[in-house]
Amino acid sequence: MALFDLGRYEAAVKPLVPLFIFALTTEMALDAIIISDIGGDSLSGSSPLRLEIDGRPATLPAVLNFLENGGKITPPVRDEDRLSWSSAPRLNGIHLFHELERHGFRAELINNYYAEKDLFLRHLEQSPRAVVISTTFIISKQAIRRLVEDVRTHAPGIAVILGGPFVYSSFLLMQKKADPSYETESAGDDFLFLDVRDEPAVDLYIIGRSGHAVLREALKRIRDGRKPEGLPGTAWLDGNRYAFGPPNAENDEVGPGLIPDWSILPDRVFRTEVVPIQASTGCPFKCAYCNFIKDRRLTYVKPLDRLIAELKSVSARGARYVRFIDDNFRLGRMDLDQVCRRLIDEGINLKWMSFIRAGTLKNSDLELLRRAGCVEMQLGLESAAGRILQNMNKEADPGLYAGVVKDLLSAGINASCCFIFGFPGETEETVRRTIQFIKESGHPELEGVFSWSIYPFILAPLSPVYEPGMRKRYDLTGYMMEWKHATMDWKEARGWIKRAFVEIENSGPHYGEENLDLFLGLSAAVRKKFSAGRHKLAKLGVAGRLDREVMIRVFREVLAG
C-alpha cells in the first residue's frame, strides 16, 4: 500500500483550494481607506494677505531658497513641509485608524486627500471595501460632493461612509427645520439633510459625537457582502428622501478614544516630527459666535499619567514637537504648574504649543512653562473692546489680555492671538481699539514673538448668536459670510481687516507653516526683525508696490549673519 496516494490527495484537497484562497483574500483585503482632511483655504481674513513667494507662504525655508537662487524659488524647497505646526497630521484620522486596527480591521490613512492623491491611488490597488471620510475639517456639502465625486471617478463601486462633526451639525440643523423662526432655508446648499438635491453620493452617514462601534459594524456588513443601512445612529438616501436608523447609545461615550497606542501607527505619521495630541476634549464655555456642539457631560481631561506615557511614546517614535489641539488646554484646569513640573521631572524632551484661555495663564509660572518645553501659546482674544467681549459672552477683559500677552513674551514664549472683526455691536471705535491693542502687543524689546490672525465674524448656524432672539436683539440678518446688523455689515468688517493689516507695525500675521527648527534657531532679535520685515513686504504686496529686488534686500538685511 502506498504511503502517499497523490490521486486521492488531489481529489480531496483540490476543491478546497479556491475556498482557501477566497478566505485568505478576504482576510488580507483592505477594509477601509480613511480620509482625514482635504486641505483648503483658511476662514481667516488676514491669512490671504500674508506674503507669498511664487505661490508659497514666505516661511524661512522658502525665503532661504529664494535668496540662494537669485530671487526665485527653485524646487525642492528643503524642509518646507515638516517641522511646522501645520505639518502635524490630523488627529481625527489617527484616531479612526487606531480604532479600526486595534479591532482587527485593515486600514490605510490619507491625511490630506488632494495633496496625497497618488498615495490614495496606490491604496486602491489593495481593493479596499470602503472609503471612510471624517468631517472634522470639512465644513461644506459642496466640498464633500466634490471629494466623493473624485473618489468615485477612481473607484466607482466602492462604499463611501461619512461621519464626524459636520454630519452631526447637519443633523441638528435638520431638526431645527421644524421651527419656522429658525433660519434653515439659506443652509440647504451648505449642510446635509436639508435638501436632497445635489447631495453627495454617500452610502452611509454616521451621526453623532461618537460612532466607532457603528463604523465597525458597517465595515463588517460590507465585508460580508451586506448593505450597512439601518444601523443605529446612521442615515442614508432612500430614493429622494433620507432614512434614519434608531438612536445610537454610543453617542454618550467619551474618554477612552483619546488614548491611541502610538506604537501601531505607520511611520509616516511621524514623518514631519510634529504630532497632534489631545489632553482634553470638549469646552464648557458658550461663546456666542461658536457653533461647536457643547455638552458638559462629554468634557474629559486625560489623566496626567496617561498623558505623560503618550508623550514618551511619540517621542520614542521620533516626534520632536507636539501640538495640543485642546480647545482650552486641559479644560483650563488651574494645575498648569503641576503639569509643567511633571513634564520636567519625567524628562519629557519635547517642544509644544496649545490653545489656552488667557485666564488660565493669569496666575501661572510662565518661566516654569517655558522650562517644560512650551514654545508657543495660542489665545482666542477676539476683541480688545469690553462691550464686544461681553456681547460674545467671553468672560474676559482687555486688561487681562494685555498682561497675559506681555508676560508670555517676557518669558520667551511666542503668543499667537486670534481676533474677530464685525461681531454684533462692533463699530469703528471698537475696531480701532482692537487694532491699537495689536499694535501695542508687539513689544519689540521682549524675547517672545507676538503674531495674530484676524477673522471676519461668521453668522454660523447652531451658534448662540444665530438664534432668533439674538438676531432680533442686534437687528441681525444674513447667513454665514454675508450679514448685517445695527452697527456694521460684512463688507465693512472685511475692509477693516485689510486696513488693520496695513496699519500694524512691529509684528506680523501668524504663519503656521513656519519651520520651527529654523525659526526658533534664530536669536530673539532676529526673529523679531524677520517677522516685522516679512510683514512690511506683505504690505507692499497688498499695495501693489512689491518687487523681487526689494524682497532680496529686506530679507538679506534681516537675516544678515
Protein backbone atom coordinates (compact mmCIF):
# COMPACT_ATOMS: atom_id res chain seq x y z
CA MET A 1 0.00 0.00 0.00
CA ALA A 2 1.41 3.39 -0.97
CA LEU A 3 2.26 5.74 1.89
CA PHE A 4 1.07 8.70 -0.19
CA ASP A 5 -1.65 8.48 -2.85
CA LEU A 6 -1.31 11.61 -5.00
CA GLY A 7 -4.53 10.99 -6.85
CA ARG A 8 -6.60 10.63 -3.70
CA TYR A 9 -4.88 13.74 -2.22
CA GLU A 10 -5.72 15.85 -5.28
CA ALA A 11 -9.31 14.62 -5.25
CA ALA A 12 -9.70 15.58 -1.60
CA VAL A 13 -7.78 18.86 -1.49
CA LYS A 14 -8.22 20.49 -4.90
CA PRO A 15 -11.84 21.52 -4.34
CA LEU A 16 -10.77 23.28 -1.11
CA VAL A 17 -8.05 25.42 -2.70
CA PRO A 18 -10.39 28.10 -4.14
CA LEU A 19 -12.15 28.33 -0.77
CA PHE A 20 -8.80 28.70 0.98
CA ILE A 21 -7.69 31.39 -1.44
CA PHE A 22 -11.02 33.20 -1.05
CA ALA A 23 -10.74 33.08 2.75
CA LEU A 24 -7.13 34.30 2.63
CA THR A 25 -8.02 37.10 0.21
CA THR A 26 -10.97 38.12 2.38
CA GLU A 27 -8.77 38.19 5.46
CA MET A 28 -5.99 40.21 3.79
CA ALA A 29 -8.14 42.66 1.83
CA LEU A 30 -8.12 46.28 2.88
CA ASP A 31 -11.24 47.17 4.84
CA ALA A 32 -11.05 50.94 4.52
CA ILE A 33 -9.11 53.96 3.37
CA ILE A 34 -9.56 56.75 5.90
CA ILE A 35 -9.56 60.36 4.69
CA SER A 36 -8.82 62.89 7.45
CA ASP A 37 -8.94 66.16 5.50
CA ILE A 38 -8.92 67.69 2.04
CA GLY A 39 -6.99 70.90 2.78
CA GLY A 40 -8.45 74.21 1.78
CA ASP A 41 -8.40 77.91 2.43
CA SER A 42 -8.48 79.32 5.93
CA LEU A 43 -11.51 81.30 7.10
CA SER A 44 -9.07 83.95 8.31
CA GLY A 45 -9.36 87.33 6.68
CA SER A 46 -5.71 88.19 7.27
CA SER A 47 -4.11 84.95 6.04
CA PRO A 48 -4.80 85.60 2.33
CA LEU A 49 -2.94 88.90 2.68
CA ARG A 50 0.25 87.33 4.01
CA LEU A 51 3.41 87.36 1.94
CA GLU A 52 3.83 84.59 -0.62
CA ILE A 53 6.83 83.80 -2.80
CA ASP A 54 6.00 82.09 -6.07
CA GLY A 55 2.76 80.72 -4.60
CA ARG A 56 4.30 79.57 -1.31
CA PRO A 57 3.89 81.13 2.15
CA ALA A 58 7.02 83.15 2.88
CA THR A 59 8.42 80.81 5.51
CA LEU A 60 12.12 80.61 6.28
CA PRO A 61 12.69 77.57 4.03
CA ALA A 62 11.06 79.42 1.12
CA VAL A 63 12.97 82.63 1.85
CA LEU A 64 16.32 80.85 2.06
CA ASN A 65 15.65 79.03 -1.21
CA PHE A 66 14.60 82.35 -2.76
CA LEU A 67 17.84 84.03 -1.69
CA GLU A 68 20.06 81.10 -2.66
CA ASN A 69 18.60 81.05 -6.17
CA GLY A 70 18.88 84.73 -7.01
CA GLY A 71 15.31 85.81 -6.33
CA LYS A 72 13.21 82.83 -7.40
CA ILE A 73 12.03 79.59 -5.84
CA THR A 74 13.77 76.53 -7.23
CA PRO A 75 12.16 73.27 -6.03
CA PRO A 76 12.59 71.29 -3.97
CA VAL A 77 12.34 73.65 -1.02
CA ARG A 78 14.13 71.85 1.77
CA ASP A 79 12.03 71.17 4.90
CA GLU A 80 9.05 73.27 3.80
CA ASP A 81 6.50 70.56 4.64
CA ARG A 82 7.81 69.41 8.01
CA LEU A 83 8.70 70.75 11.45
CA SER A 84 5.79 73.23 11.43
CA TRP A 85 2.55 73.31 13.41
CA SER A 86 0.55 72.96 10.20
CA SER A 87 2.54 69.88 9.17
CA ALA A 88 1.18 67.84 12.09
CA PRO A 89 -1.09 65.08 10.76
CA ARG A 90 -4.77 65.30 11.60
CA LEU A 91 -5.71 63.58 14.85
CA ASN A 92 -9.20 62.62 13.66
CA GLY A 93 -7.78 60.25 11.07
CA ILE A 94 -5.20 58.92 13.52
CA HIS A 95 -7.96 58.01 15.98
CA LEU A 96 -10.03 56.27 13.30
CA PHE A 97 -7.02 54.33 12.03
CA HIS A 98 -6.12 53.30 15.58
CA GLU A 99 -9.72 52.30 16.35
CA LEU A 100 -10.02 50.04 13.29
CA GLU A 101 -6.57 48.49 13.56
CA ARG A 102 -6.95 47.52 17.20
CA HIS A 103 -10.23 45.77 16.37
CA GLY A 104 -8.71 43.67 13.62
CA PHE A 105 -9.59 45.74 10.54
CA ARG A 106 -7.03 46.64 7.91
CA ALA A 107 -6.93 50.33 7.10
CA GLU A 108 -4.80 52.91 5.33
CA LEU A 109 -4.67 56.58 6.24
CA ILE A 110 -4.80 59.62 3.97
CA ASN A 111 -4.09 62.84 5.85
CA ASN A 112 -4.90 65.27 3.01
CA TYR A 113 -6.75 63.80 0.04
CA TYR A 114 -5.77 66.26 -2.67
CA ALA A 115 -2.16 66.57 -1.51
CA GLU A 116 -1.82 62.79 -1.24
CA LYS A 117 -3.82 61.74 -4.29
CA ASP A 118 -1.03 59.50 -5.60
CA LEU A 119 -0.92 57.65 -2.29
CA PHE A 120 -4.70 57.20 -2.37
CA LEU A 121 -4.49 55.69 -5.85
CA ARG A 122 -1.81 53.27 -4.66
CA HIS A 123 -4.04 52.19 -1.80
CA LEU A 124 -6.82 51.47 -4.30
CA GLU A 125 -4.59 48.73 -5.71
CA GLN A 126 -5.33 46.80 -2.49
CA SER A 127 -9.04 46.64 -3.46
CA PRO A 128 -10.42 48.38 -0.38
CA ARG A 129 -14.04 47.74 0.52
CA ALA A 130 -14.81 51.27 1.75
CA VAL A 131 -13.64 54.84 1.96
CA VAL A 132 -14.27 56.41 5.37
CA ILE A 133 -14.35 60.23 5.38
CA SER A 134 -14.14 62.27 8.57
CA THR A 135 -15.70 65.74 8.52
CA THR A 136 -13.81 67.27 11.43
CA PHE A 137 -12.13 69.67 8.98
CA ILE A 138 -14.61 69.56 6.07
CA ILE A 139 -17.32 72.15 6.57
CA SER A 140 -19.48 72.28 3.45
CA LYS A 141 -21.68 69.96 1.45
CA GLN A 142 -20.14 71.21 -1.79
CA ALA A 143 -16.65 70.20 -0.66
CA ILE A 144 -17.94 66.75 0.32
CA ARG A 145 -19.70 66.31 -3.01
CA ARG A 146 -16.55 67.21 -4.96
CA LEU A 147 -14.49 64.82 -2.86
CA VAL A 148 -16.92 61.91 -3.25
CA GLU A 149 -17.21 62.50 -7.00
CA ASP A 150 -13.43 62.38 -7.30
CA VAL A 151 -13.21 59.20 -5.21
CA ARG A 152 -15.87 57.51 -7.34
CA THR A 153 -14.06 58.52 -10.52
CA HIS A 154 -11.25 56.20 -9.47
CA ALA A 155 -13.30 53.62 -7.54
CA PRO A 156 -16.87 53.62 -8.90
CA GLY A 157 -18.23 50.74 -6.85
CA ILE A 158 -16.63 51.48 -3.50
CA ALA A 159 -18.73 52.07 -0.38
CA VAL A 160 -18.40 55.63 0.96
CA ILE A 161 -19.04 56.24 4.67
CA LEU A 162 -19.18 59.77 6.08
CA GLY A 163 -19.12 60.79 9.73
CA GLY A 164 -17.87 63.43 12.13
CA PRO A 165 -18.85 66.86 13.47
CA PHE A 166 -20.20 68.29 10.21
CA VAL A 167 -22.57 65.34 9.76
CA TYR A 168 -23.81 65.75 13.33
CA SER A 169 -24.23 69.51 12.95
CA SER A 170 -26.21 68.96 9.75
CA PHE A 171 -28.48 66.52 11.60
CA LEU A 172 -29.10 69.02 14.41
CA LEU A 173 -29.80 71.77 11.88
CA MET A 174 -32.27 69.50 10.09
CA GLN A 175 -34.16 69.14 13.38
CA LYS A 176 -34.36 72.95 13.57
CA LYS A 177 -36.19 72.96 10.25
CA ALA A 178 -39.47 72.34 12.08
CA ASP A 179 -39.11 75.74 13.81
CA PRO A 180 -40.35 78.43 11.38
CA SER A 181 -38.49 81.15 13.31
CA TYR A 182 -35.11 79.45 12.79
CA GLU A 183 -33.32 80.27 9.52
CA THR A 184 -32.56 76.99 7.72
CA GLU A 185 -33.53 77.82 4.14
CA SER A 186 -30.20 79.51 3.38
CA ALA A 187 -28.29 76.50 4.69
CA GLY A 188 -29.64 73.97 2.17
CA ASP A 189 -26.70 74.39 -0.20
CA ASP A 190 -24.09 74.06 2.55
CA PHE A 191 -25.41 71.47 5.02
CA LEU A 192 -26.58 67.88 4.64
CA PHE A 193 -30.11 66.50 5.15
CA LEU A 194 -31.91 69.79 4.42
CA ASP A 195 -32.35 69.31 0.67
CA VAL A 196 -31.78 66.09 -1.27
CA ARG A 197 -30.85 67.97 -4.44
CA ASP A 198 -27.16 67.73 -5.29
CA GLU A 199 -26.47 65.54 -2.27
CA PRO A 200 -23.10 63.73 -2.31
CA ALA A 201 -23.20 60.08 -3.39
CA VAL A 202 -22.55 58.74 0.10
CA ASP A 203 -23.69 55.25 1.05
CA LEU A 204 -23.89 55.74 4.81
CA TYR A 205 -23.79 58.71 7.19
CA ILE A 206 -22.78 58.09 10.79
CA ILE A 207 -24.49 60.65 13.01
CA GLY A 208 -23.39 61.66 16.47
CA ARG A 209 -20.44 62.71 18.60
CA SER A 210 -19.12 59.17 18.57
CA GLY A 211 -19.75 56.24 16.27
CA HIS A 212 -16.80 53.88 16.37
CA ALA A 213 -18.90 50.79 17.10
CA VAL A 214 -21.30 51.73 14.31
CA LEU A 215 -18.41 52.13 11.87
CA ARG A 216 -17.02 48.74 12.81
CA GLU A 217 -20.39 47.07 12.30
CA ALA A 218 -20.86 48.81 8.96
CA LEU A 219 -17.47 47.55 7.77
CA LYS A 220 -18.32 44.03 8.95
CA ARG A 221 -21.52 44.09 6.91
CA ILE A 222 -19.69 45.35 3.85
CA ARG A 223 -17.06 42.64 4.33
CA ASP A 224 -19.89 40.05 4.39
CA GLY A 225 -21.49 41.47 1.25
CA ARG A 226 -24.40 43.07 3.10
CA LYS A 227 -25.64 46.65 2.99
CA PRO A 228 -24.85 48.77 6.06
CA GLU A 229 -28.19 50.57 6.01
CA GLY A 230 -30.40 50.52 9.10
CA LEU A 231 -27.70 50.68 11.76
CA PRO A 232 -28.31 52.81 14.88
CA GLY A 233 -27.17 56.39 14.57
CA THR A 234 -26.99 56.38 10.78
CA ALA A 235 -28.69 57.91 7.76
CA TRP A 236 -28.80 57.01 4.09
CA LEU A 237 -30.53 58.19 0.96
CA ASP A 238 -33.60 56.14 0.15
CA GLY A 239 -34.70 57.32 -3.27
CA ASN A 240 -35.44 61.03 -2.98
CA ARG A 241 -35.51 61.17 0.83
CA TYR A 242 -33.27 60.44 3.77
CA ALA A 243 -33.92 57.46 6.01
CA PHE A 244 -32.61 57.32 9.58
CA GLY A 245 -31.74 54.43 11.85
CA PRO A 246 -32.65 54.31 15.56
CA PRO A 247 -30.66 56.44 18.04
CA ASN A 248 -27.15 55.34 18.95
CA ALA A 249 -26.40 55.00 22.67
CA GLU A 250 -22.65 55.15 21.93
CA ASN A 251 -23.01 58.88 21.35
CA ASP A 252 -22.55 59.40 25.09
CA GLU A 253 -19.16 57.66 25.21
CA VAL A 254 -16.10 59.82 25.75
CA GLY A 255 -12.58 59.38 27.05
CA PRO A 256 -11.02 56.05 26.02
CA GLY A 257 -10.80 57.03 22.36
CA LEU A 258 -8.49 59.87 23.34
CA ILE A 259 -5.66 57.48 24.16
CA PRO A 260 -4.23 55.95 20.99
CA ASP A 261 -1.48 53.37 21.03
CA TRP A 262 1.06 55.32 19.01
CA SER A 263 3.20 52.20 18.53
CA ILE A 264 0.76 50.71 15.99
CA LEU A 265 0.64 53.79 13.78
CA PRO A 266 2.53 53.84 10.47
CA ASP A 267 5.93 55.56 10.34
CA ARG A 268 4.71 58.30 8.01
CA VAL A 269 2.51 59.70 10.83
CA PHE A 270 5.79 60.82 12.39
CA ARG A 271 7.47 61.97 9.18
CA THR A 272 7.14 65.68 9.94
CA GLU A 273 8.36 65.18 13.54
CA VAL A 274 5.28 67.12 14.75
CA VAL A 275 2.30 65.24 16.18
CA PRO A 276 -1.11 66.31 17.49
CA ILE A 277 -2.17 65.20 20.96
CA GLN A 278 -5.40 65.86 22.83
CA ALA A 279 -5.03 66.40 26.58
CA SER A 280 -8.75 67.09 26.97
CA THR A 281 -11.90 67.21 24.91
CA GLY A 282 -14.90 69.48 24.92
CA CYS A 283 -15.36 73.04 26.09
CA PRO A 284 -17.60 74.24 28.95
CA PHE A 285 -17.75 77.83 27.64
CA LYS A 286 -20.50 79.18 25.40
CA CYS A 287 -19.03 81.95 23.29
CA ALA A 288 -21.85 83.47 21.26
CA TYR A 289 -20.12 83.14 17.87
CA CYS A 290 -19.12 79.47 18.30
CA ASN A 291 -21.14 76.72 16.62
CA PHE A 292 -19.20 73.79 18.11
CA ILE A 293 -21.58 71.35 19.75
CA LYS A 294 -21.26 71.77 23.53
CA ASP A 295 -22.24 69.20 26.15
CA ARG A 296 -20.70 69.42 29.62
CA ARG A 297 -21.33 65.69 30.12
CA LEU A 298 -18.87 64.95 27.34
CA THR A 299 -15.94 67.02 28.58
CA TYR A 300 -12.95 64.93 29.53
CA VAL A 301 -9.45 65.56 30.85
CA LYS A 302 -6.85 62.89 30.18
CA PRO A 303 -5.23 61.63 33.41
CA LEU A 304 -1.76 63.09 33.75
CA ASP A 305 -0.07 59.67 33.98
CA ARG A 306 -1.62 58.68 30.63
CA LEU A 307 -0.64 61.98 29.07
CA ILE A 308 2.97 61.51 30.19
CA ALA A 309 3.01 57.97 28.81
CA GLU A 310 1.64 59.24 25.48
CA LEU A 311 4.28 61.95 25.25
CA LYS A 312 7.02 59.40 25.91
CA SER A 313 5.52 57.12 23.24
CA VAL A 314 5.51 59.76 20.49
CA SER A 315 9.00 60.88 21.47
CA ALA A 316 10.19 57.30 21.04
CA ARG A 317 8.69 57.30 17.53
CA GLY A 318 10.70 60.39 16.53
CA ALA A 319 8.37 63.30 17.38
CA ARG A 320 10.13 66.47 18.49
CA TYR A 321 7.18 68.87 18.62
CA VAL A 322 3.66 68.36 19.98
CA ARG A 323 0.64 70.40 19.02
CA PHE A 324 -2.01 70.07 21.72
CA ILE A 325 -5.34 70.52 19.99
CA ASP A 326 -7.49 71.11 23.07
CA ASP A 327 -10.00 73.93 22.81
CA ASN A 328 -8.51 75.04 26.13
CA PHE A 329 -5.51 73.10 27.46
CA ARG A 330 -6.83 70.51 29.94
CA LEU A 331 -10.15 72.45 30.04
CA GLY A 332 -8.42 75.34 31.78
CA ARG A 333 -7.80 73.43 35.00
CA MET A 334 -5.68 75.51 37.33
CA ASP A 335 -3.00 72.82 37.51
CA LEU A 336 -0.71 74.09 34.75
CA ASP A 337 2.26 74.50 37.12
CA GLN A 338 1.80 70.92 38.36
CA VAL A 339 1.70 69.62 34.77
CA CYS A 340 4.87 71.55 33.90
CA ARG A 341 6.77 70.23 36.92
CA ARG A 342 5.77 66.69 35.97
CA LEU A 343 6.97 67.20 32.39
CA ILE A 344 10.32 68.44 33.70
CA ASP A 345 10.66 65.67 36.31
CA GLU A 346 9.86 62.98 33.72
CA GLY A 347 12.50 64.34 31.33
CA ILE A 348 9.99 64.98 28.52
CA ASN A 349 12.22 66.50 25.83
CA LEU A 350 9.52 67.85 23.53
CA LYS A 351 8.66 71.37 22.45
CA TRP A 352 4.95 72.11 22.36
CA MET A 353 2.13 74.57 21.94
CA SER A 354 -1.56 74.66 22.81
CA PHE A 355 -4.71 76.70 22.60
CA ILE A 356 -5.48 78.14 26.02
CA ARG A 357 -7.74 80.77 27.57
CA ALA A 358 -5.90 83.81 28.84
CA GLY A 359 -7.43 83.44 32.30
CA THR A 360 -5.74 80.06 32.73
CA LEU A 361 -2.33 81.75 32.45
CA LYS A 362 -3.09 84.63 34.79
CA ASN A 363 -1.57 83.10 37.91
CA SER A 364 0.72 80.51 36.30
CA ASP A 365 4.51 80.38 36.47
CA LEU A 366 5.37 81.18 32.86
CA GLU A 367 9.10 80.64 33.34
CA LEU A 368 8.23 77.12 34.51
CA LEU A 369 6.01 76.79 31.44
CA ARG A 370 8.97 77.62 29.21
CA ARG A 371 11.26 75.18 31.00
CA ALA A 372 8.63 72.48 30.46
CA GLY A 373 9.01 72.85 26.69
CA CYS A 374 6.23 75.29 25.78
CA VAL A 375 7.38 77.49 22.89
CA GLU A 376 4.03 79.00 21.87
CA MET A 377 0.55 79.63 23.23
CA GLN A 378 -2.42 80.39 21.01
CA LEU A 379 -5.05 82.68 22.53
CA GLY A 380 -8.54 83.43 21.26
CA LEU A 381 -8.74 87.05 22.38
CA GLU A 382 -11.31 88.11 19.71
CA SER A 383 -11.55 91.78 20.71
CA ALA A 384 -9.98 94.47 22.88
CA ALA A 385 -13.32 96.20 23.45
CA GLY A 386 -15.02 95.21 26.69
CA ARG A 387 -18.50 95.70 25.28
CA ILE A 388 -17.82 93.33 22.38
CA LEU A 389 -16.33 90.71 24.70
CA GLN A 390 -19.47 90.98 26.81
CA ASN A 391 -21.67 90.54 23.74
CA MET A 392 -19.60 87.49 22.81
CA ASN A 393 -20.04 86.03 26.31
CA LYS A 394 -16.25 85.76 26.57
CA GLU A 395 -15.94 86.24 30.36
CA ALA A 396 -12.68 88.19 29.95
CA ASP A 397 -11.39 91.75 29.80
CA PRO A 398 -8.77 93.57 27.69
CA GLY A 399 -6.63 94.41 30.72
CA LEU A 400 -6.21 90.70 31.48
CA TYR A 401 -5.35 90.07 27.84
CA ALA A 402 -2.64 92.73 27.73
CA GLY A 403 -0.99 91.45 30.89
CA VAL A 404 -1.00 87.79 29.83
CA VAL A 405 0.43 88.51 26.37
CA LYS A 406 3.22 90.64 27.85
CA ASP A 407 4.03 88.00 30.47
CA LEU A 408 4.25 85.26 27.82
CA LEU A 409 6.59 87.32 25.67
CA SER A 410 8.68 88.25 28.71
CA ALA A 411 9.12 84.53 29.42
CA GLY A 412 10.28 83.98 25.84
CA ILE A 413 7.12 82.14 24.81
CA ASN A 414 5.57 83.13 21.49
CA ALA A 415 1.96 84.34 21.61
CA SER A 416 -0.25 83.89 18.55
CA CYS A 417 -3.61 85.55 19.02
CA CYS A 418 -6.91 85.40 17.15
CA PHE A 419 -9.29 88.33 16.71
CA ILE A 420 -12.77 88.71 15.20
CA PHE A 421 -13.96 91.86 13.43
CA GLY A 422 -17.65 92.56 13.00
CA PHE A 423 -19.46 90.80 15.84
CA PRO A 424 -22.79 92.47 16.65
CA GLY A 425 -22.17 95.75 18.42
CA GLU A 426 -18.90 96.32 16.54
CA THR A 427 -18.27 99.91 15.49
CA GLU A 428 -15.35 101.88 14.11
CA GLU A 429 -14.42 102.79 17.68
CA THR A 430 -14.32 99.17 18.91
CA VAL A 431 -12.35 98.01 15.86
CA ARG A 432 -9.81 100.79 16.35
CA ARG A 433 -9.43 99.76 19.97
CA THR A 434 -8.55 96.21 18.88
CA ILE A 435 -6.12 97.45 16.23
CA GLN A 436 -4.41 99.61 18.85
CA PHE A 437 -4.19 96.61 21.17
CA ILE A 438 -2.47 94.58 18.45
CA LYS A 439 -0.03 97.42 17.75
CA GLU A 440 0.88 97.70 21.43
CA SER A 441 1.29 93.94 21.90
CA GLY A 442 4.32 93.60 19.61
CA HIS A 443 6.78 94.50 22.39
CA PRO A 444 9.98 94.54 20.28
CA GLU A 445 12.05 94.65 23.47
CA LEU A 446 10.80 91.27 24.75
CA GLU A 447 12.09 87.84 23.74
CA GLY A 448 8.85 86.20 22.61
CA VAL A 449 7.28 86.87 19.22
CA PHE A 450 3.71 88.16 19.01
CA SER A 451 1.66 87.20 15.94
CA TRP A 452 -2.00 87.48 15.04
CA SER A 453 -4.83 86.27 12.81
CA ILE A 454 -7.92 88.36 12.16
CA TYR A 455 -11.18 86.69 11.18
CA PRO A 456 -14.39 88.22 9.92
CA PHE A 457 -17.44 87.47 12.02
CA ILE A 458 -19.31 84.48 10.56
CA LEU A 459 -23.03 84.09 11.25
CA ALA A 460 -22.92 80.31 11.63
CA PRO A 461 -25.97 78.09 12.14
CA LEU A 462 -26.18 76.48 15.60
CA SER A 463 -24.16 79.27 17.22
CA PRO A 464 -25.94 81.18 20.03
CA VAL A 465 -25.92 84.42 18.00
CA TYR A 466 -27.76 82.64 15.16
CA GLU A 467 -30.78 82.08 17.42
CA PRO A 468 -33.89 84.16 16.64
CA GLY A 469 -33.72 86.05 19.96
CA MET A 470 -30.18 87.30 19.43
CA ARG A 471 -30.89 88.13 15.79
CA LYS A 472 -33.73 90.35 16.95
CA ARG A 473 -31.63 91.89 19.72
CA TYR A 474 -28.92 93.03 17.29
CA ASP A 475 -31.12 93.60 14.23
CA LEU A 476 -29.00 90.85 12.69
CA THR A 477 -29.79 89.44 9.26
CA GLY A 478 -27.96 87.28 6.73
CA TYR A 479 -26.13 83.99 6.73
CA MET A 480 -22.55 82.80 7.21
CA MET A 481 -20.11 85.21 5.47
CA GLU A 482 -22.70 87.79 4.39
CA TRP A 483 -24.58 89.55 7.19
CA LYS A 484 -25.66 92.90 8.51
CA HIS A 485 -26.52 94.20 11.96
CA ALA A 486 -27.34 97.55 13.52
CA THR A 487 -23.76 98.86 13.57
CA MET A 488 -21.82 97.10 10.77
CA ASP A 489 -22.07 94.75 7.80
CA TRP A 490 -19.76 92.08 6.41
CA LYS A 491 -18.20 94.32 3.78
CA GLU A 492 -17.19 96.91 6.37
CA ALA A 493 -15.70 94.20 8.60
CA ARG A 494 -13.57 92.83 5.78
CA GLY A 495 -12.47 96.37 4.91
CA TRP A 496 -11.30 96.87 8.47
CA ILE A 497 -9.29 93.63 8.35
CA LYS A 498 -7.36 94.88 5.35
CA ARG A 499 -6.92 98.28 6.96
CA ALA A 500 -5.60 96.70 10.17
CA PHE A 501 -3.21 94.54 8.17
CA VAL A 502 -1.71 97.64 6.58
CA GLU A 503 -1.59 99.73 9.77
CA ILE A 504 0.05 97.22 12.12
CA GLU A 505 3.82 97.58 12.67
CA ASN A 506 6.40 95.63 14.72
CA SER A 507 4.54 92.31 14.44
CA GLY A 508 3.04 90.19 11.71
CA PRO A 509 0.36 87.62 10.99
CA HIS A 510 0.74 84.06 12.11
CA TYR A 511 2.48 81.61 9.77
CA GLY A 512 1.54 78.14 10.98
CA GLU A 513 3.62 76.73 8.11
CA GLU A 514 6.85 78.13 9.53
CA ASN A 515 9.71 75.67 10.08
CA LEU A 516 10.08 75.64 13.86
CA ASP A 517 13.68 74.46 13.95
CA LEU A 518 14.78 77.31 11.71
CA PHE A 519 12.63 79.97 13.33
CA LEU A 520 13.42 79.06 16.93
CA GLY A 521 17.08 78.69 15.94
CA LEU A 522 17.28 82.42 15.23
CA SER A 523 18.15 84.79 18.04
CA ALA A 524 15.21 86.58 19.62
CA ALA A 525 16.24 89.85 17.97
CA VAL A 526 16.47 88.29 14.51
CA ARG A 527 13.11 86.50 14.93
CA LYS A 528 11.53 89.87 15.64
CA LYS A 529 13.26 91.55 12.70
CA PHE A 530 12.31 88.72 10.35
CA SER A 531 8.62 88.79 11.36
CA ALA A 532 8.38 92.56 11.07
CA GLY A 533 10.34 92.62 7.78
CA ARG A 534 8.19 89.90 6.26
CA HIS A 535 5.06 91.84 7.23
CA LYS A 536 6.47 95.03 5.75
CA LEU A 537 6.94 93.22 2.43
CA ALA A 538 3.43 91.75 2.64
CA LYS A 539 2.01 95.26 2.99
CA LEU A 540 3.93 96.37 -0.08
CA GLY A 541 2.37 93.42 -1.87
CA VAL A 542 -1.13 94.47 -0.79
CA ALA A 543 -0.40 97.95 -2.14
CA GLY A 544 0.92 96.53 -5.43
CA ARG A 545 4.39 98.01 -4.87
CA LEU A 546 6.46 94.89 -4.21
CA ASP A 547 9.29 93.69 -6.45
CA ARG A 548 11.88 90.96 -6.10
CA GLU A 549 14.83 93.28 -5.63
CA VAL A 550 13.16 94.83 -2.60
CA MET A 551 12.42 91.36 -1.20
CA ILE A 552 16.03 90.27 -1.64
CA ARG A 553 17.34 93.39 0.04
CA VAL A 554 14.97 93.25 3.04
CA PHE A 555 15.46 89.55 3.71
CA ARG A 556 19.22 89.82 3.41
CA GLU A 557 19.21 92.67 5.89
CA VAL A 558 17.06 90.95 8.49
CA LEU A 559 18.85 87.61 8.17
CA ALA A 560 22.37 89.02 7.97
CA GLY A 561 24.76 86.77 9.89
